[in-house]
Each structure stands twice: as C-alpha cells, then as structure tokens.
C-alpha cells in the first residue's frame, strides 16, 4: 500500500491510499471529526458496523463516484478487491457546536453539473455538503481536453459573509492519459505574481488562501476530488478575481 497525505492549517486532512488486491485498511473517525471515503478507481469492500458494501469504479472519467460518510466516533474496515483500489480518505474537524449524523451512510453521485463554457467548461459533481455533513464540502471536477476549471480564478479565504466565506481545500488528481499533467495556479493579489504547482496522475495538494485556477494540459483530461472545510456556518460564497470577473457574463 502506498499512502500520501496533505493537511491544511485549519485541520482538513486528505490521505490517498493506493491499495493492492487483498490489502486491508481501517479508518476511524474520532469524536472531534467527520470523515469521508471516496473510491477514485478500483474495487473494494467496506464494513461499517453491521453493513457491508462492495464498490467498483473503472475510472473517474467514465464512472460515477461511490463512497462512504463516517460521522464522529465510527469506523470502517476496507479490503481491496481485484486490481486494487485508489481510495481517498478525508477528515474534517468538527469544532464549535457542530454535530454529525448518527450513522455511517453511502455516498453516491448525482448527475454532474456543467459549469463555464468554451475553454473553461467542466463537469462538477457535489458529493457531500451541509446539512448532511457538519461542515465538510466534497465533490469532483473533470476538465476535458486541456480545459481550465476553477475558472475564472476565485478565492474563499476571507471571512466576509455573505460576500465571501473562509475555506481551505485539499485535492487529489487523476490524468488521462496517465502520462499527462495539470497545473494549479495560486496568487494573492495579481496573476503576475502567481505560483504554479504541476500535478500528475496521483498527485495531491492543498490551496489554503488566495485566488486559484486549475488547467489540464492540452490533449488531456484532468480529474480532481476536492474537499473544503472552514467557515460553513454561513452560505458558501466565492470571490472572483475582479480582473477576470467579466468572463462570468460572456
């Protein structure tokens, strides 16, 4: 089993497990956190309490998501099936007076929503959000054939409800063909000062502040699982970079 971990300053943790056939994994949600498990690709069986579920997903580009939501103080045991499994585990702290649901539950995908158009058209599927969760937001995005996503660039790093809410994010990526790549662009004030992170077929990364946008390499499809946590007692609100907000009206 290969494991990679990314953590944001506010306590959101994303762990990616690449399991081979027959490998076992136990995931626990502590009293102070809620947890989600999302199968990106492969085959696995999950035991939560008295329930057993088997899930299979050929790849995230052609098959819908399957996963599990674990409220505080629950656990799941996972066994990888034929061809192994690419599994993402997300923990988010509860904090304050937030509480979770009483029992573990299956996460299934709804129809994806098409956002943007032309070179920034993408497919977005929201898998988990309040009130089903205490505060965790989780979903998937696919940008096909070299398109941009999370575009125009936006941020959600300042507490200014209802105009903007403060959230931090973690991501797990897949690329088709797998030899390709994508780019995550982040900046605070002007795109001229942006930093870029190259992501490949099994990359994970975080965005903790500032404006950001994501692009697939030309001729490639880019998938990413996104998890967000923070100030979700208010309505979730993004702030689009004013220099690029005109694109919303085109």
C-alpha atoms as a PDB file:
ATOM      1  CA  UNK A   1       0.000   0.000   0.000  1.00  0.00           C
ATOM      2  CA  UNK A   2       1.231   3.469  -0.912  1.00  0.00           C
ATOM      3  CA  UNK A   3      -0.048   6.398   1.149  1.00  0.00           C
ATOM      4  CA  UNK A   4       0.249  10.168   0.646  1.00  0.00           C
ATOM      5  CA  UNK A   5      -1.102  12.845   2.983  1.00  0.00           C
ATOM      6  CA  UNK A   6      -1.940  16.540   2.657  1.00  0.00           C
ATOM      7  CA  UNK A   7      -3.105  18.733   5.554  1.00  0.00           C
ATOM      8  CA  UNK A   8      -4.303  22.337   5.707  1.00  0.00           C
ATOM      9  CA  UNK A   9      -3.638  24.703   8.636  1.00  0.00           C
ATOM     10  CA  UNK A  10      -7.301  24.522   9.721  1.00  0.00           C
ATOM     11  CA  UNK A  11      -7.139  20.753  10.210  1.00  0.00           C
ATOM     12  CA  UNK A  12      -8.583  19.379   6.968  1.00  0.00           C
ATOM     13  CA  UNK A  13      -6.687  16.185   6.121  1.00  0.00           C
ATOM     14  CA  UNK A  14      -6.695  14.292   2.812  1.00  0.00           C
ATOM     15  CA  UNK A  15      -4.998  10.901   2.662  1.00  0.00           C
ATOM     16  CA  UNK A  16      -4.660   8.938  -0.567  1.00  0.00           C
ATOM     17  CA  UNK A  17      -4.274   5.160  -0.366  1.00  0.00           C
ATOM     18  CA  UNK A  18      -3.164   3.081  -3.356  1.00  0.00           C
ATOM     19  CA  UNK A  19      -4.038  -0.456  -2.258  1.00  0.00           C
ATOM     20  CA  UNK A  20      -3.171  -3.728  -3.950  1.00  0.00           C
ATOM     21  CA  UNK A  21      -5.544  -6.692  -4.097  1.00  0.00           C
ATOM     22  CA  UNK A  22      -6.263  -8.152  -0.661  1.00  0.00           C
ATOM     23  CA  UNK A  23      -4.792  -5.285   1.366  1.00  0.00           C
ATOM     24  CA  UNK A  24      -6.781  -4.101   4.383  1.00  0.00           C
ATOM     25  CA  UNK A  25      -7.250  -0.627   5.832  1.00  0.00           C
ATOM     26  CA  UNK A  26      -9.094   0.534   8.957  1.00  0.00           C
ATOM     27  CA  UNK A  27     -10.335   4.127   9.024  1.00  0.00           C
ATOM     28  CA  UNK A  28     -11.582   5.736  12.237  1.00  0.00           C
ATOM     29  CA  UNK A  29     -13.478   8.994  12.695  1.00  0.00           C
ATOM     30  CA  UNK A  30     -12.687  10.392  16.130  1.00  0.00           C
ATOM     31  CA  UNK A  31     -15.218  12.118  18.371  1.00  0.00           C
ATOM     32  CA  UNK A  32     -13.985  15.501  17.145  1.00  0.00           C
ATOM     33  CA  UNK A  33     -14.124  14.851  13.385  1.00  0.00           C
ATOM     34  CA  UNK A  34     -16.205  13.694  10.433  1.00  0.00           C
ATOM     35  CA  UNK A  35     -14.781  11.505   7.688  1.00  0.00           C
ATOM     36  CA  UNK A  36     -15.470  10.682   4.050  1.00  0.00           C
ATOM     37  CA  UNK A  37     -14.093   7.867   1.903  1.00  0.00           C
ATOM     38  CA  UNK A  38     -14.269   8.159  -1.894  1.00  0.00           C
ATOM     39  CA  UNK A  39     -13.274   5.429  -4.347  1.00  0.00           C
ATOM     40  CA  UNK A  40     -11.479   7.092  -7.262  1.00  0.00           C
ATOM     41  CA  UNK A  41     -10.846   3.842  -9.114  1.00  0.00           C
ATOM     42  CA  UNK A  42     -10.670   0.111  -8.475  1.00  0.00           C
ATOM     43  CA  UNK A  43     -12.634  -2.391  -6.439  1.00  0.00           C
ATOM     44  CA  UNK A  44     -13.134  -2.666  -2.670  1.00  0.00           C
ATOM     45  CA  UNK A  45     -15.386  -3.943   0.095  1.00  0.00           C
ATOM     46  CA  UNK A  46     -16.195  -1.809   3.129  1.00  0.00           C
ATOM     47  CA  UNK A  47     -17.552  -2.917   6.510  1.00  0.00           C
ATOM     48  CA  UNK A  48     -19.182  -0.211   8.670  1.00  0.00           C
ATOM     49  CA  UNK A  49     -20.893  -1.570  11.761  1.00  0.00           C
ATOM     50  CA  UNK A  50     -23.255  -4.317  10.584  1.00  0.00           C
ATOM     51  CA  UNK A  51     -23.264  -3.116   6.967  1.00  0.00           C
ATOM     52  CA  UNK A  52     -21.111  -4.419   4.131  1.00  0.00           C
ATOM     53  CA  UNK A  53     -20.831  -2.694   0.758  1.00  0.00           C
ATOM     54  CA  UNK A  54     -18.886  -3.610  -2.356  1.00  0.00           C
ATOM     55  CA  UNK A  55     -17.939  -0.882  -4.822  1.00  0.00           C
ATOM     56  CA  UNK A  56     -16.280  -0.888  -8.217  1.00  0.00           C
ATOM     57  CA  UNK A  57     -15.227   2.030 -10.410  1.00  0.00           C
ATOM     58  CA  UNK A  58     -13.334   1.605 -13.654  1.00  0.00           C
ATOM     59  CA  UNK A  59     -12.015   5.179 -13.596  1.00  0.00           C
ATOM     60  CA  UNK A  60     -13.269   8.639 -12.573  1.00  0.00           C
ATOM     61  CA  UNK A  61     -13.627   9.834 -16.176  1.00  0.00           C
ATOM     62  CA  UNK A  62     -16.316   7.331 -17.192  1.00  0.00           C
ATOM     63  CA  UNK A  63     -17.885   6.028 -13.965  1.00  0.00           C
ATOM     64  CA  UNK A  64     -19.724   7.846 -11.144  1.00  0.00           C
ATOM     65  CA  UNK A  65     -18.338   8.137  -7.635  1.00  0.00           C
ATOM     66  CA  UNK A  66     -19.051   5.809  -4.765  1.00  0.00           C
ATOM     67  CA  UNK A  67     -18.016   6.415  -1.195  1.00  0.00           C
ATOM     68  CA  UNK A  68     -18.946   6.458   2.462  1.00  0.00           C
ATOM     69  CA  UNK A  69     -19.593   9.160   5.033  1.00  0.00           C
ATOM     70  CA  UNK A  70     -18.496   8.367   8.585  1.00  0.00           C
ATOM     71  CA  UNK A  71     -19.834  10.582  11.368  1.00  0.00           C
ATOM     72  CA  UNK A  72     -17.882  11.139  14.571  1.00  0.00           C
ATOM     73  CA  UNK A  73     -16.862   8.069  16.591  1.00  0.00           C
ATOM     74  CA  UNK A  74     -17.390   5.487  13.842  1.00  0.00           C
ATOM     75  CA  UNK A  75     -15.039   3.266  11.859  1.00  0.00           C
ATOM     76  CA  UNK A  76     -14.796   1.358   8.590  1.00  0.00           C
ATOM     77  CA  UNK A  77     -12.711  -1.623   7.526  1.00  0.00           C
ATOM     78  CA  UNK A  78     -11.728  -1.744   3.853  1.00  0.00           C
ATOM     79  CA  UNK A  79     -10.443  -4.611   1.736  1.00  0.00           C
ATOM     80  CA  UNK A  80      -9.141  -4.003  -1.776  1.00  0.00           C
ATOM     81  CA  UNK A  81     -10.515  -6.272  -4.492  1.00  0.00           C
ATOM     82  CA  UNK A  82      -9.196  -7.310  -7.910  1.00  0.00           C
ATOM     83  CA  UNK A  83      -6.841  -4.734  -9.446  1.00  0.00           C
ATOM     84  CA  UNK A  84      -6.604  -2.911  -6.103  1.00  0.00           C
ATOM     85  CA  UNK A  85      -8.098   0.479  -5.276  1.00  0.00           C
ATOM     86  CA  UNK A  86      -7.310   4.188  -5.391  1.00  0.00           C
ATOM     87  CA  UNK A  87      -9.065   5.463  -2.262  1.00  0.00           C
ATOM     88  CA  UNK A  88      -9.170   8.949  -0.747  1.00  0.00           C
ATOM     89  CA  UNK A  89      -9.862   9.464   2.954  1.00  0.00           C
ATOM     90  CA  UNK A  90     -10.844  12.948   4.170  1.00  0.00           C
ATOM     91  CA  UNK A  91     -11.035  14.057   7.810  1.00  0.00           C
ATOM     92  CA  UNK A  92     -12.516  17.413   8.862  1.00  0.00           C
ATOM     93  CA  UNK A  93     -12.573  18.689  12.459  1.00  0.00           C
ATOM     94  CA  UNK A  94     -15.972  19.410  13.944  1.00  0.00           C
ATOM     95  CA  UNK A  95     -15.194  22.424  16.128  1.00  0.00           C
ATOM     96  CA  UNK A  96     -17.667  24.604  17.981  1.00  0.00           C
ATOM     97  CA  UNK A  97     -21.141  23.139  18.440  1.00  0.00           C
ATOM     98  CA  UNK A  98     -21.225  21.176  15.185  1.00  0.00           C
ATOM     99  CA  UNK A  99     -22.523  17.629  15.289  1.00  0.00           C
ATOM    100  CA  UNK A 100     -22.681  14.858  12.721  1.00  0.00           C
ATOM    101  CA  UNK A 101     -25.380  12.417  11.731  1.00  0.00           C
ATOM    102  CA  UNK A 102     -25.990   9.302  13.825  1.00  0.00           C
ATOM    103  CA  UNK A 103     -24.776   6.611  11.412  1.00  0.00           C
ATOM    104  CA  UNK A 104     -22.449   5.846   8.537  1.00  0.00           C
ATOM    105  CA  UNK A 105     -24.010   6.265   5.111  1.00  0.00           C
ATOM    106  CA  UNK A 106     -23.299   5.504   1.472  1.00  0.00           C
ATOM    107  CA  UNK A 107     -22.239   8.356  -0.812  1.00  0.00           C
ATOM    108  CA  UNK A 108     -23.475   8.097  -4.400  1.00  0.00           C
ATOM    109  CA  UNK A 109     -23.028  10.598  -7.196  1.00  0.00           C
ATOM    110  CA  UNK A 110     -25.795  12.694  -8.671  1.00  0.00           C
ATOM    111  CA  UNK A 111     -25.711  13.888 -12.264  1.00  0.00           C
ATOM    112  CA  UNK A 112     -22.773  16.248 -12.860  1.00  0.00           C
ATOM    113  CA  UNK A 113     -23.411  19.941 -13.432  1.00  0.00           C
ATOM    114  CA  UNK A 114     -21.812  21.646 -16.425  1.00  0.00           C
ATOM    115  CA  UNK A 115     -20.164  24.935 -15.466  1.00  0.00           C
ATOM    116  CA  UNK A 116     -18.408  27.515 -17.597  1.00  0.00           C
ATOM    117  CA  UNK A 117     -18.211  27.314 -21.361  1.00  0.00           C
ATOM    118  CA  UNK A 118     -15.741  27.204 -24.227  1.00  0.00           C
ATOM    119  CA  UNK A 119     -12.205  26.626 -22.952  1.00  0.00           C
ATOM    120  CA  UNK A 120     -13.278  26.649 -19.286  1.00  0.00           C
ATOM    121  CA  UNK A 121     -16.238  24.256 -19.464  1.00  0.00           C
ATOM    122  CA  UNK A 122     -16.071  21.489 -16.870  1.00  0.00           C
ATOM    123  CA  UNK A 123     -18.226  18.888 -15.122  1.00  0.00           C
ATOM    124  CA  UNK A 124     -18.771  19.363 -11.378  1.00  0.00           C
ATOM    125  CA  UNK A 125     -20.402  16.854  -9.027  1.00  0.00           C
ATOM    126  CA  UNK A 126     -21.095  17.744  -5.387  1.00  0.00           C
ATOM    127  CA  UNK A 127     -20.976  14.590  -3.262  1.00  0.00           C
ATOM    128  CA  UNK A 128     -21.262  15.905   0.307  1.00  0.00           C
ATOM    129  CA  UNK A 129     -22.315  19.226   1.822  1.00  0.00           C
ATOM    130  CA  UNK A 130     -24.200  20.571   4.846  1.00  0.00           C
ATOM    131  CA  UNK A 131     -26.731  19.767   6.213  1.00  0.00           C
ATOM    132  CA  UNK A 132     -25.791  16.146   5.503  1.00  0.00           C
ATOM    133  CA  UNK A 133     -22.365  16.931   6.941  1.00  0.00           C
ATOM    134  CA  UNK A 134     -21.434  19.141   9.861  1.00  0.00           C
ATOM    135  CA  UNK A 135     -19.321  21.374   7.632  1.00  0.00           C
ATOM    136  CA  UNK A 136     -17.373  19.264   5.136  1.00  0.00           C
ATOM    137  CA  UNK A 137     -17.804  20.059   1.432  1.00  0.00           C
ATOM    138  CA  UNK A 138     -16.666  17.407  -1.019  1.00  0.00           C
ATOM    139  CA  UNK A 139     -17.020  16.823  -4.746  1.00  0.00           C
ATOM    140  CA  UNK A 140     -15.396  16.017  -8.071  1.00  0.00           C
ATOM    141  CA  UNK A 141     -14.482  18.059 -11.146  1.00  0.00           C
ATOM    142  CA  UNK A 142     -13.482  16.908 -14.638  1.00  0.00           C
ATOM    143  CA  UNK A 143     -11.894  19.288 -17.147  1.00  0.00           C
ATOM    144  CA  UNK A 144     -11.626  17.590 -20.528  1.00  0.00           C
ATOM    145  CA  UNK A 145      -9.261  18.113 -23.453  1.00  0.00           C
ATOM    146  CA  UNK A 146      -6.985  20.775 -21.996  1.00  0.00           C
ATOM    147  CA  UNK A 147      -9.698  22.964 -20.486  1.00  0.00           C
ATOM    148  CA  UNK A 148      -9.481  25.198 -17.435  1.00  0.00           C
ATOM    149  CA  UNK A 149     -11.536  24.698 -14.278  1.00  0.00           C
ATOM    150  CA  UNK A 150     -11.996  26.618 -11.030  1.00  0.00           C
ATOM    151  CA  UNK A 151     -12.168  29.462 -13.534  1.00  0.00           C
ATOM    152  CA  UNK A 152     -12.331  32.454 -13.649  1.00  0.00           C
ATOM    153  CA  UNK A 153      -9.912  32.462 -10.699  1.00  0.00           C
ATOM    154  CA  UNK A 154     -11.643  32.785  -7.356  1.00  0.00           C
ATOM    155  CA  UNK A 155     -10.800  32.743  -3.676  1.00  0.00           C
ATOM    156  CA  UNK A 156     -12.583  31.814  -0.454  1.00  0.00           C
ATOM    157  CA  UNK A 157     -10.028  32.888   2.123  1.00  0.00           C
ATOM    158  CA  UNK A 158     -11.567  35.951   3.807  1.00  0.00           C
ATOM    159  CA  UNK A 159     -14.457  35.924   6.269  1.00  0.00           C
ATOM    160  CA  UNK A 160     -16.839  38.486   4.796  1.00  0.00           C
ATOM    161  CA  UNK A 161     -20.283  36.848   4.659  1.00  0.00           C
ATOM    162  CA  UNK A 162     -22.395  36.836   2.631  1.00  0.00           C
ATOM    163  CA  UNK A 163     -19.876  38.033   0.003  1.00  0.00           C
ATOM    164  CA  UNK A 164     -17.097  35.561   0.849  1.00  0.00           C
ATOM    165  CA  UNK A 165     -16.567  32.722   3.300  1.00  0.00           C
ATOM    166  CA  UNK A 166     -13.223  31.402   4.541  1.00  0.00           C
ATOM    167  CA  UNK A 167     -12.475  27.827   3.459  1.00  0.00           C
ATOM    168  CA  UNK A 168      -9.333  25.789   2.836  1.00  0.00           C
ATOM    169  CA  UNK A 169      -9.130  22.990   0.263  1.00  0.00           C
ATOM    170  CA  UNK A 170      -7.333  19.737  -0.456  1.00  0.00           C
ATOM    171  CA  UNK A 171      -7.242  17.935  -3.818  1.00  0.00           C
ATOM    172  CA  UNK A 172      -6.467  14.518  -5.327  1.00  0.00           C
ATOM    173  CA  UNK A 173      -5.842  14.282  -9.089  1.00  0.00           C
ATOM    174  CA  UNK A 174      -6.021  11.815 -11.977  1.00  0.00           C
ATOM    175  CA  UNK A 175      -4.955  12.498 -15.567  1.00  0.00           C
ATOM    176  CA  UNK A 176      -5.967  10.769 -18.815  1.00  0.00           C
ATOM    177  CA  UNK A 177      -3.689   9.652 -20.469  1.00  0.00           C
ATOM    178  CA  UNK A 178      -1.807   8.978 -17.242  1.00  0.00           C
ATOM    179  CA  UNK A 179       1.458  10.377 -18.629  1.00  0.00           C
ATOM    180  CA  UNK A 180      -0.052  13.877 -18.750  1.00  0.00           C
ATOM    181  CA  UNK A 181      -0.257  16.646 -16.193  1.00  0.00           C
ATOM    182  CA  UNK A 182      -2.196  19.645 -14.974  1.00  0.00           C
ATOM    183  CA  UNK A 183      -1.291  22.969 -13.385  1.00  0.00           C
ATOM    184  CA  UNK A 184      -2.658  24.603 -10.224  1.00  0.00           C
ATOM    185  CA  UNK A 185      -2.208  28.391 -10.257  1.00  0.00           C
ATOM    186  CA  UNK A 186      -2.392  30.374  -6.979  1.00  0.00           C
ATOM    187  CA  UNK A 187      -1.867  34.056  -6.165  1.00  0.00           C
ATOM    188  CA  UNK A 188      -2.895  36.658  -3.595  1.00  0.00           C
ATOM    189  CA  UNK A 189      -3.313  39.941  -5.490  1.00  0.00           C
ATOM    190  CA  UNK A 190      -2.307  39.817  -9.139  1.00  0.00           C
ATOM    191  CA  UNK A 191      -1.818  36.924 -11.540  1.00  0.00           C
ATOM    192  CA  UNK A 192       1.608  38.342 -12.429  1.00  0.00           C
ATOM    193  CA  UNK A 193       2.782  37.134  -9.008  1.00  0.00           C
ATOM    194  CA  UNK A 194       1.220  33.673  -9.301  1.00  0.00           C
ATOM    195  CA  UNK A 195       2.856  30.439  -8.198  1.00  0.00           C
ATOM    196  CA  UNK A 196       2.232  27.222 -10.120  1.00  0.00           C
ATOM    197  CA  UNK A 197       2.130  23.602  -8.994  1.00  0.00           C
ATOM    198  CA  UNK A 198       2.367  20.804 -11.560  1.00  0.00           C
ATOM    199  CA  UNK A 199       0.097  17.847 -10.747  1.00  0.00           C
ATOM    200  CA  UNK A 200       0.261  14.375 -12.271  1.00  0.00           C
ATOM    201  CA  UNK A 201      -1.850  11.224 -12.226  1.00  0.00           C
ATOM    202  CA  UNK A 202      -1.649  10.505  -8.493  1.00  0.00           C
ATOM    203  CA  UNK A 203      -0.831  13.958  -7.068  1.00  0.00           C
ATOM    204  CA  UNK A 204      -2.390  15.545  -4.013  1.00  0.00           C
ATOM    205  CA  UNK A 205      -2.102  19.201  -2.990  1.00  0.00           C
ATOM    206  CA  UNK A 206      -3.751  21.965  -0.959  1.00  0.00           C
ATOM    207  CA  UNK A 207      -4.933  25.531  -1.519  1.00  0.00           C
ATOM    208  CA  UNK A 208      -5.152  27.425   1.751  1.00  0.00           C
ATOM    209  CA  UNK A 209      -5.539  31.053   0.643  1.00  0.00           C
ATOM    210  CA  UNK A 210      -5.732  33.380  -2.318  1.00  0.00           C
ATOM    211  CA  UNK A 211      -7.096  33.143  -5.833  1.00  0.00           C
ATOM    212  CA  UNK A 212      -6.669  29.865  -7.672  1.00  0.00           C
ATOM    213  CA  UNK A 213      -7.391  28.217 -11.014  1.00  0.00           C
ATOM    214  CA  UNK A 214      -6.625  24.777 -12.458  1.00  0.00           C
ATOM    215  CA  UNK A 215      -5.776  23.748 -16.031  1.00  0.00           C
ATOM    216  CA  UNK A 216      -5.396  20.433 -17.837  1.00  0.00           C
ATOM    217  CA  UNK A 217      -2.517  20.012 -20.274  1.00  0.00           C
ATOM    218  CA  UNK A 218      -3.502  20.229 -23.920  1.00  0.00           C
ATOM    219  CA  UNK A 219      -4.995  16.988 -25.238  1.00  0.00           C
ATOM    220  CA  UNK A 220      -5.534  15.596 -21.719  1.00  0.00           C
ATOM    221  CA  UNK A 221      -8.461  15.151 -19.347  1.00  0.00           C
ATOM    222  CA  UNK A 222      -7.940  16.221 -15.730  1.00  0.00           C
ATOM    223  CA  UNK A 223      -9.977  14.886 -12.801  1.00  0.00           C
ATOM    224  CA  UNK A 224      -9.780  16.050  -9.225  1.00  0.00           C
ATOM    225  CA  UNK A 225     -11.520  15.272  -5.981  1.00  0.00           C
ATOM    226  CA  UNK A 226     -11.874  18.427  -3.904  1.00  0.00           C
ATOM    227  CA  UNK A 227     -12.550  18.724  -0.183  1.00  0.00           C
ATOM    228  CA  UNK A 228     -13.195  22.044   1.564  1.00  0.00           C
ATOM    229  CA  UNK A 229     -13.542  22.902   5.227  1.00  0.00           C
ATOM    230  CA  UNK A 230     -13.831  26.079   7.263  1.00  0.00           C
ATOM    231  CA  UNK A 231     -16.457  28.720   7.758  1.00  0.00           C
ATOM    232  CA  UNK A 232     -19.506  26.796   6.583  1.00  0.00           C
ATOM    233  CA  UNK A 233     -21.947  28.079   9.194  1.00  0.00           C
ATOM    234  CA  UNK A 234     -22.630  30.776   6.590  1.00  0.00           C
ATOM    235  CA  UNK A 235     -23.690  30.350   2.983  1.00  0.00           C
ATOM    236  CA  UNK A 236     -20.702  29.185   0.929  1.00  0.00           C
ATOM    237  CA  UNK A 237     -19.563  32.190  -1.121  1.00  0.00           C
ATOM    238  CA  UNK A 238     -16.699  32.646  -3.588  1.00  0.00           C
ATOM    239  CA  UNK A 239     -14.994  35.896  -4.539  1.00  0.00           C
ATOM    240  CA  UNK A 240     -13.980  36.032  -8.208  1.00  0.00           C
ATOM    241  CA  UNK A 241     -10.841  37.976  -9.129  1.00  0.00           C
ATOM    242  CA  UNK A 242     -12.233  41.356 -10.316  1.00  0.00           C
ATOM    243  CA  UNK A 243      -9.770  41.427 -13.234  1.00  0.00           C
ATOM    244  CA  UNK A 244     -11.393  38.289 -14.641  1.00  0.00           C
ATOM    245  CA  UNK A 245     -14.978  38.578 -13.399  1.00  0.00           C
ATOM    246  CA  UNK A 246     -16.128  39.844 -16.816  1.00  0.00           C
ATOM    247  CA  UNK A 247     -15.838  36.262 -18.052  1.00  0.00           C
ATOM    248  CA  UNK A 248     -18.874  35.361 -15.955  1.00  0.00           C
ATOM    249  CA  UNK A 249     -21.016  37.493 -18.271  1.00  0.00           C
ATOM    250  CA  UNK A 250     -19.730  36.138 -21.589  1.00  0.00           C
END
